[in-house]
């Protein structure tokens, strides 16, 4: 299951020695509801290899502002604490899996 990431837990999670994938979303966002189940599937498939989490943009202004998230869903891909890739808007599972595989 994807981790719930908050302003308080972000720094600890981003410091992981594994790649980190973060889905920025909101409850009211239709495309986010389409991407959510895909993110959950990927979190199970890559368990132990990649840290996959979700940030509710309505509850976590600090992280959302830090990365300039203006459109959701936005998925950021981190390696060694740095953003190395980004996906804005709904997309297919295969696109996200390809991006994750490039991190490994």
C-alpha atoms as a PDB file:
ATOM      1  CA  UNK A   1       0.000   0.000   0.000  1.00  0.00           C
ATOM      2  CA  UNK A   2       1.235   3.485  -0.836  1.00  0.00           C
ATOM      3  CA  UNK A   3       2.464   5.468   2.160  1.00  0.00           C
ATOM      4  CA  UNK A   4       0.602   8.552   3.279  1.00  0.00           C
ATOM      5  CA  UNK A   5       3.226  11.302   3.154  1.00  0.00           C
ATOM      6  CA  UNK A   6       2.759  14.559   5.044  1.00  0.00           C
ATOM      7  CA  UNK A   7       4.729  17.770   5.501  1.00  0.00           C
ATOM      8  CA  UNK A   8       6.038  16.220   8.749  1.00  0.00           C
ATOM      9  CA  UNK A   9       7.206  12.890   7.250  1.00  0.00           C
ATOM     10  CA  UNK A  10       8.432  14.047   3.841  1.00  0.00           C
ATOM     11  CA  UNK A  11      12.122  14.627   4.670  1.00  0.00           C
ATOM     12  CA  UNK A  12      12.468  11.228   6.336  1.00  0.00           C
ATOM     13  CA  UNK A  13      10.881   9.416   3.388  1.00  0.00           C
ATOM     14  CA  UNK A  14      12.808  11.315   0.722  1.00  0.00           C
ATOM     15  CA  UNK A  15      16.035  10.336   2.505  1.00  0.00           C
ATOM     16  CA  UNK A  16      15.436   6.664   1.704  1.00  0.00           C
ATOM     17  CA  UNK A  17      18.262   4.754   0.026  1.00  0.00           C
ATOM     18  CA  UNK A  18      15.625   3.472  -2.430  1.00  0.00           C
ATOM     19  CA  UNK A  19      14.039   5.487  -5.244  1.00  0.00           C
ATOM     20  CA  UNK A  20      10.907   7.360  -4.119  1.00  0.00           C
ATOM     21  CA  UNK A  21       7.749   7.976  -6.149  1.00  0.00           C
ATOM     22  CA  UNK A  22       5.211  10.488  -4.820  1.00  0.00           C
ATOM     23  CA  UNK A  23       1.686  11.000  -6.145  1.00  0.00           C
ATOM     24  CA  UNK A  24       0.326  14.491  -5.399  1.00  0.00           C
ATOM     25  CA  UNK A  25      -3.481  14.229  -5.364  1.00  0.00           C
ATOM     26  CA  UNK A  26      -6.742  15.464  -3.835  1.00  0.00           C
ATOM     27  CA  UNK A  27     -10.025  13.755  -2.947  1.00  0.00           C
ATOM     28  CA  UNK A  28     -12.061  16.037  -5.246  1.00  0.00           C
ATOM     29  CA  UNK A  29      -9.841  15.447  -8.309  1.00  0.00           C
ATOM     30  CA  UNK A  30     -11.380  13.117 -10.919  1.00  0.00           C
ATOM     31  CA  UNK A  31      -8.130  12.240 -12.744  1.00  0.00           C
ATOM     32  CA  UNK A  32      -6.511  11.587  -9.334  1.00  0.00           C
ATOM     33  CA  UNK A  33      -9.166   8.949  -8.636  1.00  0.00           C
ATOM     34  CA  UNK A  34      -8.227   7.284 -11.944  1.00  0.00           C
ATOM     35  CA  UNK A  35      -4.497   7.265 -11.126  1.00  0.00           C
ATOM     36  CA  UNK A  36      -4.915   6.272  -7.448  1.00  0.00           C
ATOM     37  CA  UNK A  37      -5.589   2.546  -8.027  1.00  0.00           C
ATOM     38  CA  UNK A  38      -2.633   2.381 -10.448  1.00  0.00           C
ATOM     39  CA  UNK A  39      -0.339   3.904  -7.806  1.00  0.00           C
ATOM     40  CA  UNK A  40      -1.618   1.321  -5.280  1.00  0.00           C
ATOM     41  CA  UNK A  41      -0.911  -1.545  -7.721  1.00  0.00           C
ATOM     42  CA  UNK A  42       2.594  -0.248  -8.392  1.00  0.00           C
ATOM     43  CA  UNK A  43       3.279   0.103  -4.655  1.00  0.00           C
ATOM     44  CA  UNK A  44       2.559  -3.627  -4.263  1.00  0.00           C
ATOM     45  CA  UNK A  45       4.515  -4.654  -7.363  1.00  0.00           C
ATOM     46  CA  UNK A  46       7.604  -2.647  -6.392  1.00  0.00           C
ATOM     47  CA  UNK A  47       7.395  -3.305  -2.641  1.00  0.00           C
ATOM     48  CA  UNK A  48      10.911  -3.498  -1.198  1.00  0.00           C
ATOM     49  CA  UNK A  49      12.483  -1.899  -4.291  1.00  0.00           C
ATOM     50  CA  UNK A  50      10.852   1.539  -4.430  1.00  0.00           C
ATOM     51  CA  UNK A  51       9.117   3.720  -1.826  1.00  0.00           C
ATOM     52  CA  UNK A  52       5.759   4.812  -3.246  1.00  0.00           C
ATOM     53  CA  UNK A  53       3.626   7.359  -1.437  1.00  0.00           C
ATOM     54  CA  UNK A  54       0.821   9.870  -1.785  1.00  0.00           C
ATOM     55  CA  UNK A  55       0.558  13.506  -0.699  1.00  0.00           C
ATOM     56  CA  UNK A  56      -2.891  15.050  -0.230  1.00  0.00           C
ATOM     57  CA  UNK A  57      -2.306  18.567  -1.589  1.00  0.00           C
ATOM     58  CA  UNK A  58      -5.194  20.003   0.453  1.00  0.00           C
ATOM     59  CA  UNK A  59      -3.572  18.956   3.738  1.00  0.00           C
ATOM     60  CA  UNK A  60       0.129  19.464   2.949  1.00  0.00           C
ATOM     61  CA  UNK A  61       0.780  23.000   1.672  1.00  0.00           C
ATOM     62  CA  UNK A  62       4.492  22.957   2.493  1.00  0.00           C
ATOM     63  CA  UNK A  63       5.546  20.087   0.203  1.00  0.00           C
ATOM     64  CA  UNK A  64       3.055  21.093  -2.480  1.00  0.00           C
ATOM     65  CA  UNK A  65       4.500  24.613  -2.605  1.00  0.00           C
ATOM     66  CA  UNK A  66       8.118  23.409  -2.378  1.00  0.00           C
ATOM     67  CA  UNK A  67       7.736  21.478  -5.640  1.00  0.00           C
ATOM     68  CA  UNK A  68       5.455  24.024  -7.327  1.00  0.00           C
ATOM     69  CA  UNK A  69       2.594  21.566  -7.762  1.00  0.00           C
ATOM     70  CA  UNK A  70      -0.125  23.427  -9.632  1.00  0.00           C
ATOM     71  CA  UNK A  71      -1.849  20.616 -11.512  1.00  0.00           C
ATOM     72  CA  UNK A  72      -2.885  17.274 -10.096  1.00  0.00           C
ATOM     73  CA  UNK A  73      -2.332  14.462 -10.304  1.00  0.00           C
ATOM     74  CA  UNK A  74       1.397  15.102 -10.451  1.00  0.00           C
ATOM     75  CA  UNK A  75       3.775  12.230  -9.781  1.00  0.00           C
ATOM     76  CA  UNK A  76       7.391  13.032  -8.905  1.00  0.00           C
ATOM     77  CA  UNK A  77      10.196  10.483  -9.174  1.00  0.00           C
ATOM     78  CA  UNK A  78      13.152  10.897  -6.813  1.00  0.00           C
ATOM     79  CA  UNK A  79      16.580   9.297  -6.778  1.00  0.00           C
ATOM     80  CA  UNK A  80      19.099  10.176  -4.057  1.00  0.00           C
ATOM     81  CA  UNK A  81      16.688  12.838  -2.767  1.00  0.00           C
ATOM     82  CA  UNK A  82      16.512  14.699  -6.098  1.00  0.00           C
ATOM     83  CA  UNK A  83      13.615  14.919  -8.574  1.00  0.00           C
ATOM     84  CA  UNK A  84      14.690  13.043 -11.706  1.00  0.00           C
ATOM     85  CA  UNK A  85      11.358  12.697 -13.512  1.00  0.00           C
ATOM     86  CA  UNK A  86       7.780  13.986 -13.422  1.00  0.00           C
ATOM     87  CA  UNK A  87       4.377  12.947 -14.748  1.00  0.00           C
ATOM     88  CA  UNK A  88       1.563  15.503 -14.815  1.00  0.00           C
ATOM     89  CA  UNK A  89      -1.985  14.326 -15.436  1.00  0.00           C
ATOM     90  CA  UNK A  90      -3.570  10.907 -15.675  1.00  0.00           C
ATOM     91  CA  UNK A  91      -1.603   8.288 -17.566  1.00  0.00           C
ATOM     92  CA  UNK A  92      -1.400   4.557 -18.137  1.00  0.00           C
ATOM     93  CA  UNK A  93       0.192   2.121 -15.705  1.00  0.00           C
ATOM     94  CA  UNK A  94       2.807   1.127 -18.308  1.00  0.00           C
ATOM     95  CA  UNK A  95       4.071   4.728 -18.542  1.00  0.00           C
ATOM     96  CA  UNK A  96       4.554   4.937 -14.765  1.00  0.00           C
ATOM     97  CA  UNK A  97       6.138   1.467 -14.624  1.00  0.00           C
ATOM     98  CA  UNK A  98       8.647   2.469 -17.325  1.00  0.00           C
ATOM     99  CA  UNK A  99       9.588   5.585 -15.348  1.00  0.00           C
ATOM    100  CA  UNK A 100      10.004   3.535 -12.160  1.00  0.00           C
ATOM    101  CA  UNK A 101      12.126   0.928 -13.955  1.00  0.00           C
ATOM    102  CA  UNK A 102      14.504   3.691 -15.080  1.00  0.00           C
ATOM    103  CA  UNK A 103      15.095   4.520 -11.401  1.00  0.00           C
ATOM    104  CA  UNK A 104      16.205   0.967 -10.567  1.00  0.00           C
END
